[in-house]
Protein backbone atom coordinates (compact mmCIF):
# COMPACT_ATOMS: atom_id res chain seq x y z
CA MET A 1 -18.96 -13.84 -21.75
CA SER A 2 -15.95 -13.83 -19.31
CA VAL A 3 -12.90 -11.68 -20.07
CA ASP A 4 -9.42 -12.28 -18.37
CA LEU A 5 -8.33 -8.90 -17.53
CA ARG A 6 -4.97 -9.78 -16.17
CA PRO A 7 -3.03 -9.98 -19.32
CA PHE A 8 -4.52 -6.31 -20.41
CA MET A 9 -3.41 -5.08 -16.96
CA ALA A 10 0.11 -6.61 -17.10
CA GLY A 11 0.77 -4.14 -19.69
CA PHE A 12 0.11 -1.28 -17.45
CA PRO A 13 3.32 -0.70 -15.28
CA THR A 14 2.65 0.92 -11.97
CA GLY A 15 4.13 1.40 -8.63
CA VAL A 16 4.10 -0.98 -5.86
CA ALA A 17 2.73 -0.21 -2.33
CA ILE A 18 2.05 -2.32 0.83
CA VAL A 19 -1.10 -1.19 2.47
CA SER A 20 -0.90 -1.82 6.11
CA ALA A 21 -3.32 -1.64 9.04
CA PHE A 22 -3.73 -2.75 12.65
CA ASP A 23 -6.84 -4.75 13.71
CA THR A 24 -8.69 -4.06 16.67
CA ASP A 25 -6.49 -6.48 18.77
CA ASP A 26 -3.49 -4.28 17.56
CA ARG A 27 -2.15 -6.86 15.35
CA PRO A 28 -0.51 -5.82 12.13
CA TRP A 29 -1.94 -6.68 8.62
CA GLY A 30 -0.51 -5.84 5.35
CA MET A 31 -0.81 -6.91 1.66
CA THR A 32 0.98 -5.88 -1.47
CA CYS A 33 -1.30 -3.52 -3.71
CA THR A 34 -0.93 -2.16 -7.08
CA SER A 35 -4.44 -0.87 -7.29
CA LEU A 36 -3.79 2.66 -5.87
CA CYS A 37 -4.27 6.19 -7.12
CA SER A 38 -4.83 9.77 -5.95
CA VAL A 39 -8.22 10.86 -6.24
CA THR A 40 -8.18 14.61 -5.02
CA LEU A 41 -5.79 17.03 -3.34
CA SER A 42 -8.38 18.78 -1.48
CA PRO A 43 -9.21 17.06 0.62
CA PRO A 44 -6.09 14.66 -0.12
CA THR A 45 -7.64 11.59 -0.76
CA LEU A 46 -6.25 8.05 -1.85
CA LEU A 47 -8.07 5.11 -3.54
CA VAL A 48 -6.92 1.61 -2.69
CA CYS A 49 -8.67 -1.62 -3.80
CA LEU A 50 -8.34 -4.77 -1.77
CA ARG A 51 -9.53 -8.32 -2.11
CA ASN A 52 -12.81 -8.75 -0.52
CA GLY A 53 -12.36 -10.98 2.57
CA SER A 54 -8.67 -10.24 3.16
CA PRO A 55 -7.54 -9.97 6.78
CA THR A 56 -6.06 -6.74 5.97
CA LEU A 57 -9.15 -5.27 4.59
CA ARG A 58 -11.00 -6.40 7.61
CA ALA A 59 -8.34 -4.78 9.93
CA LEU A 60 -8.39 -1.45 7.90
CA LEU A 61 -12.26 -1.33 8.05
CA ALA A 62 -12.37 -2.48 11.65
CA ASN A 63 -10.09 0.18 12.86
CA GLY A 64 -10.97 2.93 10.38
CA THR A 65 -7.01 3.88 9.54
CA PHE A 66 -4.32 2.57 7.31
CA SER A 67 -0.96 3.32 5.70
CA VAL A 68 0.28 3.02 2.22
CA ASN A 69 3.89 2.25 1.89
CA LEU A 70 5.08 3.15 -1.44
CA LEU A 71 8.12 0.59 -2.04
CA ALA A 72 11.44 1.57 -3.00
CA HIS A 73 13.49 -0.15 -5.70
CA HIS A 74 15.40 -2.43 -3.19
CA ALA A 75 12.00 -3.86 -1.74
CA ARG A 76 11.11 -6.73 -4.17
CA ALA A 77 11.53 -9.29 -1.35
CA ALA A 78 9.13 -7.28 0.75
CA ALA A 79 6.62 -6.88 -2.13
CA ALA A 80 6.75 -10.63 -2.76
CA LEU A 81 6.54 -11.56 0.95
CA PHE A 82 3.38 -9.31 1.46
CA ALA A 83 1.89 -10.79 -1.74
CA SER A 84 2.50 -14.33 -0.24
CA GLY A 85 0.19 -14.00 2.75
CA ALA A 86 2.85 -15.62 5.14
CA PRO A 87 1.56 -15.30 8.53
CA ASP A 88 4.77 -14.19 9.95
CA ARG A 89 5.51 -11.32 7.34
CA PHE A 90 5.83 -8.72 10.09
CA ASP A 91 8.44 -10.71 11.85
CA ARG A 92 10.73 -10.53 8.74
CA VAL A 93 10.63 -7.14 7.86
CA ALA A 94 11.44 -3.70 9.79
CA TRP A 95 8.37 -1.83 10.95
CA ARG A 96 7.40 0.76 13.48
CA ARG A 97 4.27 2.29 14.59
CA PRO A 98 3.30 5.60 12.98
CA ASP A 99 3.66 8.76 15.16
CA SER A 100 0.61 9.87 16.86
CA ASN A 101 0.15 13.42 15.88
CA GLY A 102 -3.19 14.11 17.16
CA ASP A 103 -5.65 12.57 14.70
CA SER A 104 -2.96 11.11 12.45
CA VAL A 105 -2.78 7.46 13.00
CA GLY A 106 -2.42 4.69 10.45
CA GLY A 107 -0.99 1.15 10.01
CA PRO A 108 2.40 -0.19 10.33
CA HIS A 109 5.28 1.89 8.54
CA LEU A 110 7.82 -0.50 6.65
CA TYR A 111 10.24 2.33 6.79
CA ARG A 112 13.34 0.26 5.42
CA ALA A 113 11.20 -0.91 2.41
CA ALA A 114 9.34 2.34 1.70
CA HIS A 115 10.44 5.58 0.09
CA ALA A 116 7.33 7.28 0.98
CA ILE A 117 4.45 6.65 3.38
CA ALA A 118 0.93 7.98 3.80
CA ASP A 119 -1.32 7.65 6.74
CA CYS A 120 -5.07 7.59 5.80
CA ARG A 121 -8.53 7.61 7.68
CA VAL A 122 -11.26 5.45 5.97
CA ASP A 123 -13.68 7.79 4.35
CA ARG A 124 -15.86 5.56 2.34
CA GLN A 125 -15.85 2.05 0.79
CA SER A 126 -17.89 0.15 -1.95
CA LEU A 127 -17.98 -3.42 -3.02
CA VAL A 128 -16.94 -4.01 -6.70
CA GLY A 129 -17.03 -7.56 -7.83
CA ASP A 130 -14.42 -9.35 -5.75
CA HIS A 131 -12.79 -6.28 -4.41
CA VAL A 132 -13.66 -3.40 -1.96
CA MET A 133 -12.73 0.10 -3.15
CA VAL A 134 -11.63 2.13 -0.25
CA LEU A 135 -11.31 5.89 -0.37
CA GLY A 136 -9.01 7.36 2.53
CA GLU A 137 -8.26 10.94 3.53
CA VAL A 138 -4.51 11.33 3.79
CA THR A 139 -3.84 12.55 7.40
CA CYS A 140 0.10 12.47 7.06
CA THR A 141 2.64 11.80 4.62
CA ASP A 142 6.54 10.98 5.08
CA GLN A 143 9.38 10.71 2.68
CA GLU A 144 11.31 8.07 4.00
CA SER A 145 14.31 8.24 1.30
CA ALA A 146 15.28 9.52 -1.98
CA SER A 147 15.24 6.14 -3.36
CA ALA A 148 13.84 5.08 -6.67
CA PRO A 149 10.49 3.58 -6.57
CA LEU A 150 9.87 -0.01 -7.30
CA LEU A 151 7.53 -0.79 -10.30
CA TYR A 152 5.60 -3.76 -11.45
CA GLY A 153 4.39 -4.63 -14.93
CA ARG A 154 4.40 -7.51 -17.44
CA ARG A 155 4.48 -9.71 -14.30
CA ASP A 156 8.02 -8.55 -13.33
CA TYR A 157 9.41 -5.93 -11.21
CA ALA A 158 11.48 -2.97 -12.37
CA VAL A 159 13.19 0.18 -11.32
CA TRP A 160 12.32 3.63 -12.47
CA PRO A 161 15.34 4.82 -14.56
CA VAL A 162 17.55 7.48 -12.90
CA ARG A 163 18.74 10.28 -15.32
CA ASP A 164 22.19 11.81 -15.30
CA GLY A 165 22.52 14.46 -12.31
CA ALA A 166 19.12 13.18 -10.82
CA ALA A 167 18.88 11.86 -7.23
């Protein structure tokens, strides 16, 4: 029996991220991702799930590092662009290389679209169905802005509500 999980998961609103990496030829890759979670604080570890066979996954695994760009409320266009697979997506967004603080190297930082960025080193991976679960040890984080995060659920984007007096 085949179950379509998409309608069920559409009812689970979540944050929106772009996972980015450089391939071994130093070409940037990235894709929109809502399959992301914190695994442990010590060592700081994130889990991302990427479609098996995606160029971003290939780059991430070949280079051994990646970045998680948590999107701000104003970054719907970036989320849609990186979900589209457009080959020129890095020509259409502002990005920069991560700072090389010793071992802390990741993928492209989408500094105008992201409210926070984490650089990760691949710790392990596991194939599950049509996706690969990647555990990444976080080597560095950066708060880009105090912007509200972009959310996704019920096949639509939304913004985290701001309470009176909250930034």
